[in-house]
Amino acid sequence: MADISKKYPTINTGGGLFLKIADGETVKVRLVSDPIYFDNIFKDTMTSRFAWVIWNHDAQTAQIWATNGATYNSIKDLVLDEEYGDPSEYDIKITRTGVEQQTRYSVRPGTKRYDLTDKEKAECDKLDPIQLIDKADSTQHVMWLEEHREEKKLSGREQAKKVRDALGNEDPEEEEINLEDILF
């Protein structure tokens, strides 16, 4: 019989590169990257998700933190608040309550502004969040949020042209339709 460990390699399902917060736990992090958008399938339901490369002060490591739209909106509210602004300039405390679909996150901004160390920044720069998130079978359409926003702006015709251009196909000629040829 073949070596079973080769047939069934260990898959990292949590922790490590991805921030996992237990129910009732609070973690102090710094958002380092721009936001990432992706669609995620969980229990046969597709949801929009958002992620960032972060520096986890508690674990003293670079990680990726993925969360839901409500939490993204809480962070966006901080960005739009003139007292806080860019969340890469201050720490955020994230508290998780609940489990599975009942999970909620509260986000509280820190008050001190300081730069991460060169070592912390270098550790964060080693992570390619798009590639790492896209590896999961449950994720689709992984891209920087700004790219996602630009795609949504395109009309259906522009999207079709974008696909044709990517495939190297020409724009089909438009034919005039004779209404007398249509049988109703």
N, C-alpha and C. Protein backbone atom coordinates (compact mmCIF):
# COMPACT_ATOMS: atom_id res chain seq x y z
N MET A 1 0.84 -1.19 0.00
CA MET A 1 0.00 0.00 0.00
C MET A 1 0.88 1.24 0.00
N ALA A 2 0.47 2.26 -0.77
CA ALA A 2 1.24 3.51 -0.87
C ALA A 2 1.21 4.25 0.46
N ASP A 3 2.21 5.11 0.63
CA ASP A 3 2.29 5.93 1.84
C ASP A 3 1.05 6.81 1.93
N ILE A 4 0.25 6.59 2.97
CA ILE A 4 -1.03 7.31 3.13
C ILE A 4 -0.82 8.81 3.26
N SER A 5 0.30 9.25 3.82
CA SER A 5 0.53 10.69 3.99
C SER A 5 0.71 11.38 2.64
N LYS A 6 1.13 10.64 1.61
CA LYS A 6 1.25 11.24 0.28
C LYS A 6 -0.12 11.37 -0.38
N LYS A 7 -1.00 10.41 -0.11
CA LYS A 7 -2.35 10.47 -0.67
C LYS A 7 -3.20 11.52 0.03
N TYR A 8 -2.95 11.70 1.30
CA TYR A 8 -3.73 12.64 2.11
C TYR A 8 -2.79 13.60 2.82
N PRO A 9 -2.26 14.59 2.06
CA PRO A 9 -1.33 15.52 2.69
C PRO A 9 -2.06 16.41 3.71
N THR A 10 -1.31 16.92 4.66
CA THR A 10 -1.88 17.82 5.66
C THR A 10 -2.25 19.14 5.01
N ILE A 11 -3.46 19.58 5.25
CA ILE A 11 -3.94 20.85 4.73
C ILE A 11 -4.06 21.80 5.91
N ASN A 12 -3.49 23.00 5.77
CA ASN A 12 -3.59 24.00 6.83
C ASN A 12 -4.99 24.59 6.78
N THR A 13 -5.82 24.30 7.79
CA THR A 13 -7.20 24.76 7.79
C THR A 13 -7.44 25.97 8.65
N GLY A 14 -6.47 26.48 9.31
CA GLY A 14 -6.69 27.65 10.14
C GLY A 14 -5.43 28.01 10.88
N GLY A 15 -5.42 29.19 11.46
CA GLY A 15 -4.23 29.63 12.16
C GLY A 15 -3.12 29.87 11.17
N GLY A 16 -1.91 29.93 11.64
CA GLY A 16 -0.78 30.12 10.75
C GLY A 16 -0.88 31.39 9.96
N LEU A 17 -1.04 31.28 8.66
CA LEU A 17 -1.08 32.45 7.79
C LEU A 17 -2.39 33.23 7.89
N PHE A 18 -3.44 32.60 8.37
CA PHE A 18 -4.74 33.26 8.45
C PHE A 18 -5.12 33.48 9.91
N LEU A 19 -5.55 34.70 10.21
CA LEU A 19 -5.98 35.05 11.56
C LEU A 19 -7.28 34.33 11.89
N LYS A 20 -7.29 33.59 12.96
CA LYS A 20 -8.49 32.94 13.47
C LYS A 20 -8.70 33.45 14.88
N ILE A 21 -9.87 34.02 15.14
CA ILE A 21 -10.18 34.58 16.44
C ILE A 21 -11.26 33.72 17.07
N ALA A 22 -11.03 33.26 18.29
CA ALA A 22 -12.01 32.43 18.99
C ALA A 22 -13.13 33.29 19.56
N ASP A 23 -14.26 32.69 19.81
CA ASP A 23 -15.41 33.38 20.40
C ASP A 23 -14.98 34.01 21.72
N GLY A 24 -15.24 35.31 21.86
CA GLY A 24 -14.90 36.05 23.07
C GLY A 24 -13.47 36.58 23.11
N GLU A 25 -12.67 36.27 22.12
CA GLU A 25 -11.27 36.69 22.08
C GLU A 25 -11.14 38.08 21.44
N THR A 26 -10.14 38.85 21.91
CA THR A 26 -9.79 40.14 21.33
C THR A 26 -8.35 40.07 20.85
N VAL A 27 -8.11 40.58 19.65
CA VAL A 27 -6.77 40.57 19.05
C VAL A 27 -6.43 41.99 18.61
N LYS A 28 -5.19 42.38 18.82
CA LYS A 28 -4.71 43.70 18.40
C LYS A 28 -3.89 43.53 17.12
N VAL A 29 -4.34 44.22 16.05
CA VAL A 29 -3.70 44.08 14.73
C VAL A 29 -3.48 45.44 14.10
N ARG A 30 -2.68 45.44 13.05
CA ARG A 30 -2.51 46.60 12.18
C ARG A 30 -2.84 46.16 10.76
N LEU A 31 -3.74 46.85 10.10
CA LEU A 31 -4.02 46.57 8.69
C LEU A 31 -2.85 47.10 7.88
N VAL A 32 -2.29 46.26 7.02
CA VAL A 32 -1.10 46.66 6.28
C VAL A 32 -1.39 46.86 4.80
N SER A 33 -2.24 46.02 4.23
CA SER A 33 -2.51 46.11 2.79
C SER A 33 -3.80 46.86 2.52
N ASP A 34 -4.02 47.13 1.24
CA ASP A 34 -5.32 47.59 0.79
C ASP A 34 -6.30 46.43 0.93
N PRO A 35 -7.60 46.70 0.93
CA PRO A 35 -8.56 45.60 1.07
C PRO A 35 -8.64 44.73 -0.18
N ILE A 36 -8.94 43.47 0.06
CA ILE A 36 -9.11 42.48 -0.99
C ILE A 36 -10.57 42.05 -0.98
N TYR A 37 -11.13 41.83 -2.14
CA TYR A 37 -12.51 41.34 -2.27
C TYR A 37 -12.46 39.92 -2.80
N PHE A 38 -13.37 39.06 -2.31
CA PHE A 38 -13.55 37.74 -2.91
C PHE A 38 -14.91 37.19 -2.54
N ASP A 39 -15.37 36.23 -3.34
CA ASP A 39 -16.60 35.52 -3.03
C ASP A 39 -16.21 34.21 -2.37
N ASN A 40 -16.96 33.83 -1.34
CA ASN A 40 -16.65 32.62 -0.58
C ASN A 40 -17.92 31.78 -0.45
N ILE A 41 -17.77 30.47 -0.64
CA ILE A 41 -18.89 29.55 -0.48
C ILE A 41 -18.72 28.84 0.86
N PHE A 42 -19.75 28.96 1.71
CA PHE A 42 -19.76 28.29 3.01
C PHE A 42 -21.15 27.69 3.20
N LYS A 43 -21.20 26.39 3.39
CA LYS A 43 -22.48 25.68 3.57
C LYS A 43 -23.45 26.02 2.44
N ASP A 44 -22.98 25.89 1.20
CA ASP A 44 -23.78 26.11 0.00
C ASP A 44 -24.32 27.53 -0.17
N THR A 45 -23.72 28.50 0.52
CA THR A 45 -24.12 29.89 0.38
C THR A 45 -22.91 30.72 -0.02
N MET A 46 -23.06 31.53 -1.07
CA MET A 46 -21.96 32.39 -1.49
C MET A 46 -22.11 33.76 -0.85
N THR A 47 -21.03 34.25 -0.25
CA THR A 47 -21.03 35.57 0.36
C THR A 47 -19.82 36.36 -0.11
N SER A 48 -19.97 37.68 -0.09
CA SER A 48 -18.85 38.56 -0.39
C SER A 48 -18.01 38.68 0.87
N ARG A 49 -16.70 38.60 0.71
CA ARG A 49 -15.79 38.68 1.85
C ARG A 49 -14.71 39.71 1.53
N PHE A 50 -14.05 40.16 2.58
CA PHE A 50 -12.99 41.15 2.45
C PHE A 50 -11.81 40.69 3.30
N ALA A 51 -10.60 41.04 2.87
CA ALA A 51 -9.41 40.59 3.59
C ALA A 51 -8.31 41.63 3.50
N TRP A 52 -7.37 41.54 4.43
CA TRP A 52 -6.19 42.40 4.47
C TRP A 52 -5.01 41.58 4.94
N VAL A 53 -3.83 42.01 4.53
CA VAL A 53 -2.62 41.55 5.21
C VAL A 53 -2.55 42.37 6.48
N ILE A 54 -2.27 41.70 7.60
CA ILE A 54 -2.21 42.39 8.88
C ILE A 54 -0.93 42.03 9.61
N TRP A 55 -0.55 42.87 10.56
CA TRP A 55 0.47 42.51 11.53
C TRP A 55 -0.29 42.21 12.82
N ASN A 56 -0.19 40.97 13.29
CA ASN A 56 -0.84 40.54 14.52
C ASN A 56 0.11 40.81 15.67
N HIS A 57 -0.16 41.84 16.46
CA HIS A 57 0.72 42.21 17.58
C HIS A 57 0.75 41.12 18.64
N ASP A 58 -0.37 40.45 18.87
CA ASP A 58 -0.43 39.42 19.92
C ASP A 58 0.44 38.21 19.56
N ALA A 59 0.39 37.78 18.30
CA ALA A 59 1.18 36.63 17.86
C ALA A 59 2.54 37.03 17.31
N GLN A 60 2.77 38.34 17.14
CA GLN A 60 4.02 38.86 16.57
C GLN A 60 4.35 38.22 15.22
N THR A 61 3.33 38.26 14.32
CA THR A 61 3.50 37.67 13.00
C THR A 61 2.60 38.35 11.97
N ALA A 62 2.99 38.22 10.71
CA ALA A 62 2.17 38.70 9.60
C ALA A 62 1.14 37.63 9.28
N GLN A 63 -0.09 38.05 9.01
CA GLN A 63 -1.17 37.12 8.69
C GLN A 63 -2.13 37.78 7.71
N ILE A 64 -3.11 36.99 7.29
CA ILE A 64 -4.20 37.50 6.47
C ILE A 64 -5.46 37.39 7.31
N TRP A 65 -6.23 38.47 7.33
CA TRP A 65 -7.49 38.47 8.06
C TRP A 65 -8.62 38.65 7.06
N ALA A 66 -9.53 37.68 7.02
CA ALA A 66 -10.70 37.75 6.15
C ALA A 66 -11.93 37.90 7.01
N THR A 67 -12.86 38.73 6.54
CA THR A 67 -14.06 39.00 7.33
C THR A 67 -15.24 39.30 6.42
N ASN A 68 -16.35 39.59 7.04
CA ASN A 68 -17.61 39.81 6.32
C ASN A 68 -17.81 41.28 5.94
N GLY A 69 -18.89 41.54 5.22
CA GLY A 69 -19.18 42.90 4.77
C GLY A 69 -19.49 43.87 5.89
N ALA A 70 -20.16 43.40 6.95
CA ALA A 70 -20.49 44.29 8.07
C ALA A 70 -19.22 44.79 8.75
N THR A 71 -18.24 43.91 8.92
CA THR A 71 -16.98 44.31 9.54
C THR A 71 -16.20 45.23 8.61
N TYR A 72 -16.23 44.94 7.31
CA TYR A 72 -15.60 45.83 6.34
C TYR A 72 -16.19 47.24 6.47
N ASN A 73 -17.52 47.32 6.59
CA ASN A 73 -18.17 48.62 6.71
C ASN A 73 -17.77 49.34 7.99
N SER A 74 -17.53 48.60 9.07
CA SER A 74 -17.04 49.22 10.32
C SER A 74 -15.67 49.85 10.11
N ILE A 75 -14.83 49.16 9.36
CA ILE A 75 -13.49 49.68 9.07
C ILE A 75 -13.59 50.87 8.12
N LYS A 76 -14.47 50.77 7.13
CA LYS A 76 -14.68 51.88 6.20
C LYS A 76 -15.16 53.12 6.95
N ASP A 77 -16.00 52.93 7.97
CA ASP A 77 -16.47 54.06 8.78
C ASP A 77 -15.29 54.75 9.48
N LEU A 78 -14.32 53.97 9.93
CA LEU A 78 -13.13 54.56 10.55
C LEU A 78 -12.33 55.36 9.52
N VAL A 79 -12.21 54.79 8.32
CA VAL A 79 -11.47 55.46 7.25
C VAL A 79 -12.11 56.81 6.93
N LEU A 80 -13.43 56.85 6.89
CA LEU A 80 -14.14 58.07 6.53
C LEU A 80 -14.22 59.08 7.67
N ASP A 81 -13.93 58.65 8.89
CA ASP A 81 -13.96 59.53 10.05
C ASP A 81 -12.65 60.32 10.11
N GLU A 82 -12.73 61.65 10.08
CA GLU A 82 -11.52 62.47 10.02
C GLU A 82 -10.63 62.30 11.26
N GLU A 83 -11.17 61.81 12.37
CA GLU A 83 -10.34 61.57 13.56
C GLU A 83 -9.42 60.39 13.38
N TYR A 84 -9.82 59.41 12.55
CA TYR A 84 -9.04 58.18 12.41
C TYR A 84 -8.36 58.08 11.06
N GLY A 85 -9.12 58.08 9.97
CA GLY A 85 -8.52 58.00 8.64
C GLY A 85 -7.91 56.65 8.33
N ASP A 86 -6.77 56.67 7.69
CA ASP A 86 -6.08 55.48 7.18
C ASP A 86 -5.77 54.48 8.30
N PRO A 87 -6.37 53.28 8.27
CA PRO A 87 -6.14 52.31 9.34
C PRO A 87 -4.77 51.63 9.30
N SER A 88 -3.95 51.97 8.33
CA SER A 88 -2.59 51.44 8.34
C SER A 88 -1.68 52.27 9.25
N GLU A 89 -2.23 53.36 9.81
CA GLU A 89 -1.44 54.24 10.67
C GLU A 89 -1.71 54.04 12.16
N TYR A 90 -2.65 53.18 12.52
CA TYR A 90 -2.96 52.91 13.93
C TYR A 90 -3.43 51.47 14.06
N ASP A 91 -3.39 50.95 15.28
CA ASP A 91 -3.80 49.58 15.54
C ASP A 91 -5.31 49.51 15.71
N ILE A 92 -5.83 48.31 15.50
CA ILE A 92 -7.25 48.03 15.67
C ILE A 92 -7.38 46.82 16.58
N LYS A 93 -8.31 46.89 17.52
CA LYS A 93 -8.63 45.74 18.35
C LYS A 93 -9.91 45.13 17.81
N ILE A 94 -9.84 43.83 17.52
CA ILE A 94 -10.97 43.10 16.96
C ILE A 94 -11.44 42.10 18.01
N THR A 95 -12.72 42.13 18.33
CA THR A 95 -13.30 41.18 19.27
C THR A 95 -14.35 40.36 18.54
N ARG A 96 -14.27 39.05 18.70
CA ARG A 96 -15.24 38.15 18.08
C ARG A 96 -16.24 37.68 19.13
N THR A 97 -17.51 37.67 18.74
CA THR A 97 -18.54 37.05 19.56
C THR A 97 -19.38 36.17 18.66
N GLY A 98 -19.76 34.99 19.14
CA GLY A 98 -20.61 34.07 18.38
C GLY A 98 -19.81 33.08 17.56
N VAL A 99 -20.55 32.15 16.95
CA VAL A 99 -19.95 31.11 16.12
C VAL A 99 -20.74 30.97 14.82
N GLU A 100 -20.08 30.44 13.81
CA GLU A 100 -20.63 30.22 12.46
C GLU A 100 -21.41 31.43 11.96
N GLN A 101 -22.67 31.24 11.54
CA GLN A 101 -23.43 32.36 10.97
C GLN A 101 -23.81 33.41 12.02
N GLN A 102 -23.64 33.11 13.29
CA GLN A 102 -23.96 34.06 14.36
C GLN A 102 -22.75 34.89 14.78
N THR A 103 -21.63 34.75 14.07
CA THR A 103 -20.40 35.46 14.43
C THR A 103 -20.53 36.95 14.14
N ARG A 104 -20.07 37.74 15.08
CA ARG A 104 -20.02 39.19 14.93
C ARG A 104 -18.64 39.65 15.38
N TYR A 105 -18.15 40.71 14.74
CA TYR A 105 -16.87 41.29 15.12
C TYR A 105 -17.09 42.75 15.51
N SER A 106 -16.48 43.16 16.60
CA SER A 106 -16.46 44.59 16.91
C SER A 106 -15.05 45.08 16.65
N VAL A 107 -14.96 46.27 16.11
CA VAL A 107 -13.68 46.86 15.73
C VAL A 107 -13.51 48.16 16.49
N ARG A 108 -12.41 48.25 17.25
CA ARG A 108 -12.12 49.47 18.01
C ARG A 108 -10.76 50.00 17.59
N PRO A 109 -10.69 51.28 17.24
CA PRO A 109 -9.40 51.85 16.81
C PRO A 109 -8.53 52.18 18.01
N GLY A 110 -7.22 52.05 17.80
CA GLY A 110 -6.26 52.49 18.80
C GLY A 110 -6.10 54.01 18.71
N THR A 111 -5.47 54.57 19.71
CA THR A 111 -5.31 56.03 19.74
C THR A 111 -3.90 56.48 19.40
N LYS A 112 -2.94 55.57 19.47
CA LYS A 112 -1.55 55.94 19.20
C LYS A 112 -1.21 55.66 17.74
N ARG A 113 -0.52 56.63 17.13
CA ARG A 113 -0.07 56.47 15.75
C ARG A 113 1.44 56.27 15.74
N TYR A 114 1.86 55.21 15.09
CA TYR A 114 3.28 54.91 14.98
C TYR A 114 3.48 53.98 13.80
N ASP A 115 4.70 53.93 13.30
CA ASP A 115 5.03 53.04 12.19
C ASP A 115 5.39 51.66 12.72
N LEU A 116 5.09 50.65 11.92
CA LEU A 116 5.58 49.31 12.22
C LEU A 116 7.10 49.31 12.01
N THR A 117 7.77 48.37 12.63
CA THR A 117 9.22 48.27 12.44
C THR A 117 9.51 47.77 11.03
N ASP A 118 10.73 47.95 10.59
CA ASP A 118 11.13 47.46 9.26
C ASP A 118 10.97 45.94 9.19
N LYS A 119 11.27 45.26 10.28
CA LYS A 119 11.13 43.79 10.32
C LYS A 119 9.67 43.39 10.17
N GLU A 120 8.77 44.07 10.86
CA GLU A 120 7.34 43.76 10.77
C GLU A 120 6.82 44.01 9.35
N LYS A 121 7.24 45.13 8.76
CA LYS A 121 6.84 45.44 7.38
C LYS A 121 7.36 44.39 6.41
N ALA A 122 8.60 43.97 6.60
CA ALA A 122 9.19 42.97 5.71
C ALA A 122 8.44 41.64 5.80
N GLU A 123 8.04 41.26 6.99
CA GLU A 123 7.27 40.01 7.16
C GLU A 123 5.93 40.11 6.44
N CYS A 124 5.29 41.25 6.53
CA CYS A 124 4.00 41.46 5.85
C CYS A 124 4.18 41.44 4.33
N ASP A 125 5.28 42.01 3.84
CA ASP A 125 5.53 42.07 2.40
C ASP A 125 5.74 40.68 1.79
N LYS A 126 6.08 39.70 2.62
CA LYS A 126 6.31 38.34 2.12
C LYS A 126 5.00 37.64 1.73
N LEU A 127 3.87 38.12 2.24
CA LEU A 127 2.60 37.46 1.97
C LEU A 127 1.98 37.99 0.68
N ASP A 128 1.53 37.07 -0.16
CA ASP A 128 0.78 37.42 -1.37
C ASP A 128 -0.68 37.03 -1.10
N PRO A 129 -1.47 37.97 -0.60
CA PRO A 129 -2.83 37.61 -0.17
C PRO A 129 -3.73 37.09 -1.28
N ILE A 130 -3.59 37.63 -2.48
CA ILE A 130 -4.42 37.19 -3.60
C ILE A 130 -4.15 35.71 -3.87
N GLN A 131 -2.89 35.36 -3.98
CA GLN A 131 -2.51 33.97 -4.26
C GLN A 131 -2.95 33.04 -3.12
N LEU A 132 -2.75 33.45 -1.89
CA LEU A 132 -3.08 32.58 -0.75
C LEU A 132 -4.58 32.38 -0.60
N ILE A 133 -5.37 33.42 -0.78
CA ILE A 133 -6.82 33.30 -0.67
C ILE A 133 -7.37 32.49 -1.84
N ASP A 134 -6.80 32.70 -3.03
CA ASP A 134 -7.29 32.03 -4.23
C ASP A 134 -7.02 30.52 -4.20
N LYS A 135 -6.13 30.05 -3.34
CA LYS A 135 -5.83 28.62 -3.25
C LYS A 135 -7.00 27.80 -2.71
N ALA A 136 -7.85 28.41 -1.92
CA ALA A 136 -8.96 27.68 -1.30
C ALA A 136 -10.00 27.30 -2.35
N ASP A 137 -10.52 26.09 -2.25
CA ASP A 137 -11.57 25.64 -3.17
C ASP A 137 -12.85 26.44 -3.01
N SER A 138 -13.04 27.07 -1.86
CA SER A 138 -14.29 27.77 -1.57
C SER A 138 -14.30 29.22 -2.02
N THR A 139 -13.20 29.71 -2.61
CA THR A 139 -13.12 31.12 -2.99
C THR A 139 -13.15 31.30 -4.51
N GLN A 140 -13.72 32.44 -4.91
CA GLN A 140 -13.78 32.81 -6.32
C GLN A 140 -13.59 34.31 -6.44
N HIS A 141 -13.20 34.76 -7.61
CA HIS A 141 -13.12 36.19 -7.93
C HIS A 141 -12.24 36.95 -6.93
N VAL A 142 -11.10 36.43 -6.60
CA VAL A 142 -10.21 37.06 -5.63
C VAL A 142 -9.44 38.18 -6.32
N MET A 143 -9.59 39.41 -5.78
CA MET A 143 -8.92 40.56 -6.39
C MET A 143 -8.86 41.70 -5.39
N TRP A 144 -8.04 42.67 -5.69
CA TRP A 144 -8.02 43.88 -4.88
C TRP A 144 -9.39 44.53 -4.97
N LEU A 145 -9.88 45.10 -3.90
CA LEU A 145 -11.20 45.72 -3.89
C LEU A 145 -11.34 46.78 -4.97
N GLU A 146 -10.31 47.57 -5.19
CA GLU A 146 -10.36 48.61 -6.22
C GLU A 146 -10.61 47.99 -7.60
N GLU A 147 -9.98 46.83 -7.89
CA GLU A 147 -10.22 46.16 -9.17
C GLU A 147 -11.67 45.69 -9.27
N HIS A 148 -12.21 45.19 -8.18
CA HIS A 148 -13.59 44.73 -8.15
C HIS A 148 -14.54 45.90 -8.42
N ARG A 149 -14.27 47.03 -7.82
CA ARG A 149 -15.11 48.22 -8.02
C ARG A 149 -15.07 48.66 -9.49
N GLU A 150 -13.90 48.59 -10.12
CA GLU A 150 -13.78 48.97 -11.53
C GLU A 150 -14.56 48.00 -12.41
N GLU A 151 -14.50 46.69 -12.09
CA GLU A 151 -15.24 45.70 -12.88
C GLU A 151 -16.74 45.95 -12.80
N LYS A 152 -17.22 46.31 -11.62
CA LYS A 152 -18.65 46.56 -11.45
C LYS A 152 -19.12 47.76 -12.25
N LYS A 153 -18.21 48.69 -12.53
CA LYS A 153 -18.57 49.88 -13.29
C LYS A 153 -18.82 49.57 -14.76
N LEU A 154 -18.21 48.51 -15.25
CA LEU A 154 -18.34 48.18 -16.66
C LEU A 154 -19.76 47.72 -16.99
N SER A 155 -20.26 48.15 -18.11
CA SER A 155 -21.57 47.68 -18.54
C SER A 155 -21.43 46.26 -19.08
N GLY A 156 -22.55 45.63 -19.33
CA GLY A 156 -22.54 44.27 -19.87
C GLY A 156 -21.78 44.18 -21.18
N ARG A 157 -21.97 45.17 -22.06
CA ARG A 157 -21.26 45.18 -23.34
C ARG A 157 -19.76 45.34 -23.14
N GLU A 158 -19.38 46.21 -22.21
CA GLU A 158 -17.95 46.41 -21.94
C GLU A 158 -17.34 45.15 -21.35
N GLN A 159 -18.10 44.46 -20.50
CA GLN A 159 -17.59 43.21 -19.92
C GLN A 159 -17.39 42.17 -21.01
N ALA A 160 -18.37 42.08 -21.93
CA ALA A 160 -18.24 41.13 -23.02
C ALA A 160 -17.03 41.46 -23.89
N LYS A 161 -16.82 42.75 -24.15
CA LYS A 161 -15.65 43.17 -24.94
C LYS A 161 -14.36 42.81 -24.20
N LYS A 162 -14.34 42.99 -22.88
CA LYS A 162 -13.16 42.66 -22.08
C LYS A 162 -12.84 41.16 -22.20
N VAL A 163 -13.88 40.32 -22.17
CA VAL A 163 -13.68 38.88 -22.31
C VAL A 163 -13.18 38.54 -23.71
N ARG A 164 -13.82 39.14 -24.74
CA ARG A 164 -13.37 38.89 -26.12
C ARG A 164 -11.93 39.32 -26.31
N ASP A 165 -11.57 40.48 -25.76
CA ASP A 165 -10.19 40.96 -25.89
C ASP A 165 -9.22 40.00 -25.21
N ALA A 166 -9.60 39.51 -24.05
CA ALA A 166 -8.73 38.57 -23.32
C ALA A 166 -8.56 37.27 -24.10
N LEU A 167 -9.61 36.87 -24.83
CA LEU A 167 -9.55 35.64 -25.63
C LEU A 167 -8.98 35.87 -27.02
N GLY A 168 -8.78 37.14 -27.38
CA GLY A 168 -8.23 37.46 -28.69
C GLY A 168 -9.28 37.42 -29.79
N ASN A 169 -10.55 37.47 -29.43
CA ASN A 169 -11.63 37.44 -30.43
C ASN A 169 -11.97 38.86 -30.86
N GLU A 170 -12.45 38.96 -32.09
CA GLU A 170 -12.86 40.25 -32.62
C GLU A 170 -14.29 40.53 -32.19
N ASP A 171 -14.67 41.78 -32.23
CA ASP A 171 -16.04 42.19 -31.94
C ASP A 171 -16.91 41.73 -33.10
N PRO A 172 -17.97 40.99 -32.82
CA PRO A 172 -18.81 40.51 -33.93
C PRO A 172 -19.49 41.69 -34.62
N GLU A 173 -19.66 41.52 -35.93
CA GLU A 173 -20.33 42.57 -36.67
C GLU A 173 -21.80 42.58 -36.30
N GLU A 174 -22.33 43.77 -36.16
CA GLU A 174 -23.74 43.87 -35.84
C GLU A 174 -24.52 43.86 -37.15
N GLU A 175 -25.53 42.99 -37.19
CA GLU A 175 -26.37 42.91 -38.37
C GLU A 175 -27.68 43.61 -38.07
N GLU A 176 -28.22 44.21 -39.10
CA GLU A 176 -29.52 44.83 -38.95
C GLU A 176 -30.57 43.73 -38.98
N ILE A 177 -31.55 43.83 -38.12
CA ILE A 177 -32.59 42.81 -38.02
C ILE A 177 -33.82 43.29 -38.79
N ASN A 178 -34.31 42.40 -39.67
CA ASN A 178 -35.53 42.68 -40.40
C ASN A 178 -36.68 42.11 -39.58
N LEU A 179 -37.54 42.98 -39.05
CA LEU A 179 -38.64 42.55 -38.19
C LEU A 179 -39.63 41.63 -38.91
N GLU A 180 -39.70 41.70 -40.24
CA GLU A 180 -40.61 40.82 -41.00
C GLU A 180 -40.13 39.38 -41.00
N ASP A 181 -38.82 39.16 -40.72
CA ASP A 181 -38.29 37.80 -40.69
C ASP A 181 -38.60 37.09 -39.37
N ILE A 182 -39.05 37.82 -38.37
CA ILE A 182 -39.33 37.22 -37.07
C ILE A 182 -40.75 36.70 -37.05
N LEU A 183 -40.88 35.43 -36.70
CA LEU A 183 -42.21 34.79 -36.66
C LEU A 183 -42.80 34.94 -35.27
N PHE A 184 -43.91 35.63 -35.17
CA PHE A 184 -44.62 35.68 -33.90
C PHE A 184 -46.03 35.27 -34.14
